[in-house]
C-alpha cells in the first residue's frame, strides 16, 4: 500500500513538468515559424502596392 501511495504523487509531478516544457517549446517553434510568414506577408503586400 505504501508503494502505491508513493507512486501516485511522482506520476503527477512527472506529468505536469513535461507539459510546461512542451508549452515553452511550442511557443518557441511558433515564433520561429511565424517570423518568415510575417516577412513573406509583408513582401507580398509591398509587391501589390507597387502595381
PDB file of N, CA and C in Angstrom:
ATOM      1  N   UNK A   1       0.827  -1.203   0.000  1.00  0.00           N
ATOM      2  CA  UNK A   1       0.000   0.000   0.000  1.00  0.00           C
ATOM      3  C   UNK A   1       0.868   1.262   0.000  1.00  0.00           C
ATOM      4  N   UNK A   2       1.982   1.209   0.735  1.00  0.00           N
ATOM      5  CA  UNK A   2       2.829   2.401   0.799  1.00  0.00           C
ATOM      6  C   UNK A   2       3.482   2.689  -0.545  1.00  0.00           C
ATOM      7  N   UNK A   3       3.863   1.663  -1.282  1.00  0.00           N
ATOM      8  CA  UNK A   3       4.484   1.880  -2.584  1.00  0.00           C
ATOM      9  C   UNK A   3       3.502   2.532  -3.554  1.00  0.00           C
ATOM     10  N   UNK A   4       2.241   2.131  -3.510  1.00  0.00           N
ATOM     11  CA  UNK A   4       1.246   2.722  -4.401  1.00  0.00           C
ATOM     12  C   UNK A   4       1.028   4.193  -4.069  1.00  0.00           C
ATOM     13  N   UNK A   5       1.035   4.534  -2.759  1.00  0.00           N
ATOM     14  CA  UNK A   5       0.852   5.926  -2.363  1.00  0.00           C
ATOM     15  C   UNK A   5       2.036   6.773  -2.797  1.00  0.00           C
ATOM     16  N   UNK A   6       3.242   6.210  -2.792  1.00  0.00           N
ATOM     17  CA  UNK A   6       4.416   6.958  -3.205  1.00  0.00           C
ATOM     18  C   UNK A   6       4.457   7.120  -4.732  1.00  0.00           C
ATOM     19  N   UNK A   7       3.927   6.171  -5.456  1.00  0.00           N
ATOM     20  CA  UNK A   7       3.985   6.240  -6.915  1.00  0.00           C
ATOM     21  C   UNK A   7       3.029   7.286  -7.486  1.00  0.00           C
ATOM     22  N   UNK A   8       1.889   7.513  -6.831  1.00  0.00           N
ATOM     23  CA  UNK A   8       0.905   8.443  -7.388  1.00  0.00           C
ATOM     24  C   UNK A   8       1.411   9.893  -7.447  1.00  0.00           C
ATOM     25  N   UNK A   9       1.981  10.466  -6.379  1.00  0.00           N
ATOM     26  CA  UNK A   9       2.474  11.851  -6.487  1.00  0.00           C
ATOM     27  C   UNK A   9       3.624  11.982  -7.485  1.00  0.00           C
ATOM     28  N   UNK A  10       4.489  10.971  -7.575  1.00  0.00           N
ATOM     29  CA  UNK A  10       5.583  11.040  -8.541  1.00  0.00           C
ATOM     30  C   UNK A  10       5.045  11.048  -9.967  1.00  0.00           C
ATOM     31  N   UNK A  11       3.987  10.292 -10.209  1.00  0.00           N
ATOM     32  CA  UNK A  11       3.404  10.262 -11.542  1.00  0.00           C
ATOM     33  C   UNK A  11       2.767  11.614 -11.871  1.00  0.00           C
ATOM     34  N   UNK A  12       2.135  12.253 -10.895  1.00  0.00           N
ATOM     35  CA  UNK A  12       1.510  13.552 -11.137  1.00  0.00           C
ATOM     36  C   UNK A  12       2.570  14.614 -11.420  1.00  0.00           C
ATOM     37  N   UNK A  13       3.680  14.590 -10.671  1.00  0.00           N
ATOM     38  CA  UNK A  13       4.732  15.572 -10.895  1.00  0.00           C
ATOM     39  C   UNK A  13       5.382  15.371 -12.262  1.00  0.00           C
ATOM     40  N   UNK A  14       5.613  14.119 -12.648  1.00  0.00           N
ATOM     41  CA  UNK A  14       6.247  13.863 -13.931  1.00  0.00           C
ATOM     42  C   UNK A  14       5.300  14.231 -15.086  1.00  0.00           C
ATOM     43  N   UNK A  15       4.004  14.179 -14.849  1.00  0.00           N
ATOM     44  CA  UNK A  15       3.059  14.564 -15.894  1.00  0.00           C
ATOM     45  C   UNK A  15       3.001  16.079 -16.056  1.00  0.00           C
ATOM     46  N   UNK A  16       3.144  16.839 -14.959  1.00  0.00           N
ATOM     47  CA  UNK A  16       3.000  18.290 -15.031  1.00  0.00           C
ATOM     48  C   UNK A  16       4.266  18.963 -15.567  1.00  0.00           C
ATOM     49  N   UNK A  17       5.427  18.425 -15.245  1.00  0.00           N
ATOM     50  CA  UNK A  17       6.669  19.085 -15.670  1.00  0.00           C
ATOM     51  C   UNK A  17       6.897  19.025 -17.183  1.00  0.00           C
ATOM     52  N   UNK A  18       6.731  17.883 -17.857  1.00  0.00           N
ATOM     53  CA  UNK A  18       6.897  17.895 -19.317  1.00  0.00           C
ATOM     54  C   UNK A  18       5.838  18.736 -20.026  1.00  0.00           C
ATOM     55  N   UNK A  19       4.643  18.868 -19.426  1.00  0.00           N
ATOM     56  CA  UNK A  19       3.603  19.676 -20.065  1.00  0.00           C
ATOM     57  C   UNK A  19       4.061  21.130 -20.166  1.00  0.00           C
ATOM     58  N   UNK A  20       4.697  21.647 -19.108  1.00  0.00           N
ATOM     59  CA  UNK A  20       5.190  23.023 -19.155  1.00  0.00           C
ATOM     60  C   UNK A  20       6.315  23.156 -20.180  1.00  0.00           C
ATOM     61  N   UNK A  21       7.163  22.159 -20.275  1.00  0.00           N
ATOM     62  CA  UNK A  21       8.240  22.201 -21.263  1.00  0.00           C
ATOM     63  C   UNK A  21       7.701  22.152 -22.675  1.00  0.00           C
ATOM     64  N   UNK A  22       6.627  21.383 -22.893  1.00  0.00           N
ATOM     65  CA  UNK A  22       6.034  21.306 -24.221  1.00  0.00           C
ATOM     66  C   UNK A  22       5.408  22.635 -24.617  1.00  0.00           C
ATOM     67  N   UNK A  23       4.809  23.333 -23.642  1.00  0.00           N
ATOM     68  CA  UNK A  23       4.226  24.645 -23.941  1.00  0.00           C
ATOM     69  C   UNK A  23       5.333  25.630 -24.323  1.00  0.00           C
ATOM     70  N   UNK A  24       6.434  25.601 -23.590  1.00  0.00           N
ATOM     71  CA  UNK A  24       7.541  26.524 -23.866  1.00  0.00           C
ATOM     72  C   UNK A  24       8.147  26.240 -25.240  1.00  0.00           C
ATOM     73  N   UNK A  25       8.380  24.969 -25.545  1.00  0.00           N
ATOM     74  CA  UNK A  25       8.963  24.643 -26.848  1.00  0.00           C
ATOM     75  C   UNK A  25       7.968  24.943 -27.968  1.00  0.00           C
ATOM     76  N   UNK A  26       6.691  24.777 -27.685  1.00  0.00           N
ATOM     77  CA  UNK A  26       5.679  25.113 -28.690  1.00  0.00           C
ATOM     78  C   UNK A  26       5.663  26.598 -28.993  1.00  0.00           C
ATOM     79  N   UNK A  27       5.819  27.420 -27.967  1.00  0.00           N
ATOM     80  CA  UNK A  27       5.861  28.865 -28.185  1.00  0.00           C
ATOM     81  C   UNK A  27       7.105  29.260 -28.970  1.00  0.00           C
ATOM     82  N   UNK A  28       8.237  28.635 -28.653  1.00  0.00           N
ATOM     83  CA  UNK A  28       9.482  28.949 -29.371  1.00  0.00           C
ATOM     84  C   UNK A  28       9.351  28.571 -30.843  1.00  0.00           C
ATOM     85  N   UNK A  29       8.846  27.375 -31.128  1.00  0.00           N
ATOM     86  CA  UNK A  29       8.673  26.953 -32.512  1.00  0.00           C
ATOM     87  C   UNK A  29       7.643  27.828 -33.221  1.00  0.00           C
ATOM     88  N   UNK A  30       6.593  28.238 -32.508  1.00  0.00           N
ATOM     89  CA  UNK A  30       5.584  29.111 -33.105  1.00  0.00           C
ATOM     90  C   UNK A  30       6.172  30.442 -33.529  1.00  0.00           C
ATOM     91  N   UNK A  31       7.035  31.005 -32.688  1.00  0.00           N
ATOM     92  CA  UNK A  31       7.675  32.287 -33.034  1.00  0.00           C
ATOM     93  C   UNK A  31       8.623  32.097 -34.212  1.00  0.00           C
ATOM     94  N   UNK A  32       9.415  31.018 -34.188  1.00  0.00           N
ATOM     95  CA  UNK A  32      10.366  30.779 -35.279  1.00  0.00           C
ATOM     96  C   UNK A  32       9.652  30.558 -36.608  1.00  0.00           C
ATOM     97  N   UNK A  33       8.506  29.907 -36.571  1.00  0.00           N
ATOM     98  CA  UNK A  33       7.769  29.659 -37.806  1.00  0.00           C
ATOM     99  C   UNK A  33       7.034  30.915 -38.263  1.00  0.00           C
ATOM    100  N   UNK A  34       6.553  31.727 -37.327  1.00  0.00           N
ATOM    101  CA  UNK A  34       5.750  32.885 -37.704  1.00  0.00           C
ATOM    102  C   UNK A  34       6.593  34.018 -38.285  1.00  0.00           C
ATOM    103  N   UNK A  35       7.857  34.107 -37.916  1.00  0.00           N
ATOM    104  CA  UNK A  35       8.700  35.202 -38.428  1.00  0.00           C
ATOM    105  C   UNK A  35       8.830  35.151 -39.953  1.00  0.00           C
ATOM    106  N   UNK A  36       9.178  34.027 -40.576  1.00  0.00           N
ATOM    107  CA  UNK A  36       9.223  34.005 -42.041  1.00  0.00           C
ATOM    108  C   UNK A  36       7.857  34.225 -42.676  1.00  0.00           C
ATOM    109  N   UNK A  37       6.795  33.798 -42.006  1.00  0.00           N
ATOM    110  CA  UNK A  37       5.458  34.021 -42.557  1.00  0.00           C
ATOM    111  C   UNK A  37       5.128  35.506 -42.574  1.00  0.00           C
ATOM    112  N   UNK A  38       5.488  36.233 -41.513  1.00  0.00           N
ATOM    113  CA  UNK A  38       5.240  37.674 -41.490  1.00  0.00           C
ATOM    114  C   UNK A  38       6.097  38.375 -42.544  1.00  0.00           C
ATOM    115  N   UNK A  39       7.347  37.951 -42.728  1.00  0.00           N
ATOM    116  CA  UNK A  39       8.217  38.577 -43.733  1.00  0.00           C
ATOM    117  C   UNK A  39       7.645  38.356 -45.126  1.00  0.00           C
ATOM    118  N   UNK A  40       7.173  37.149 -45.402  1.00  0.00           N
ATOM    119  CA  UNK A  40       6.606  36.866 -46.715  1.00  0.00           C
ATOM    120  C   UNK A  40       5.301  37.633 -46.914  1.00  0.00           C
ATOM    121  N   UNK A  41       4.515  37.783 -45.855  1.00  0.00           N
ATOM    122  CA  UNK A  41       3.262  38.533 -45.960  1.00  0.00           C
ATOM    123  C   UNK A  41       3.537  40.012 -46.256  1.00  0.00           C
ATOM    124  N   UNK A  42       4.536  40.583 -45.576  1.00  0.00           N
ATOM    125  CA  UNK A  42       4.895  41.990 -45.821  1.00  0.00           C
ATOM    126  C   UNK A  42       5.419  42.153 -47.241  1.00  0.00           C
ATOM    127  N   UNK A  43       6.249  41.214 -47.702  1.00  0.00           N
ATOM    128  CA  UNK A  43       6.754  41.290 -49.077  1.00  0.00           C
ATOM    129  C   UNK A  43       5.643  41.152 -50.097  1.00  0.00           C
ATOM    130  N   UNK A  44       4.645  40.329 -49.808  1.00  0.00           N
ATOM    131  CA  UNK A  44       3.513  40.152 -50.732  1.00  0.00           C
ATOM    132  C   UNK A  44       2.684  41.432 -50.804  1.00  0.00           C
ATOM    133  N   UNK A  45       2.478  42.079 -49.643  1.00  0.00           N
ATOM    134  CA  UNK A  45       1.690  43.323 -49.625  1.00  0.00           C
ATOM    135  C   UNK A  45       2.437  44.438 -50.347  1.00  0.00           C
ATOM    136  N   UNK A  46       3.739  44.557 -50.091  1.00  0.00           N
ATOM    137  CA  UNK A  46       4.505  45.617 -50.782  1.00  0.00           C
ATOM    138  C   UNK A  46       4.574  45.335 -52.283  1.00  0.00           C
ATOM    139  N   UNK A  47       4.558  44.078 -52.691  1.00  0.00           N
ATOM    140  CA  UNK A  47       4.541  43.741 -54.118  1.00  0.00           C
ATOM    141  C   UNK A  47       3.247  44.185 -54.771  1.00  0.00           C
ATOM    142  N   UNK A  48       2.147  44.079 -54.071  1.00  0.00           N
ATOM    143  CA  UNK A  48       0.856  44.515 -54.620  1.00  0.00           C
ATOM    144  C   UNK A  48       0.826  46.038 -54.707  1.00  0.00           C
ATOM    145  N   UNK A  49       1.363  46.750 -53.713  1.00  0.00           N
ATOM    146  CA  UNK A  49       1.313  48.207 -53.718  1.00  0.00           C
ATOM    147  C   UNK A  49       2.142  48.795 -54.864  1.00  0.00           C
ATOM    148  N   UNK A  50       3.181  48.065 -55.305  1.00  0.00           N
ATOM    149  CA  UNK A  50       3.994  48.593 -56.421  1.00  0.00           C
ATOM    150  C   UNK A  50       3.183  48.594 -57.708  1.00  0.00           C
ATOM    151  N   UNK A  51       2.280  47.603 -57.872  1.00  0.00           N
ATOM    152  CA  UNK A  51       1.445  47.579 -59.057  1.00  0.00           C
ATOM    153  C   UNK A  51       0.200  48.388 -58.774  1.00  0.00           C
TER     154      UNK A  51
END
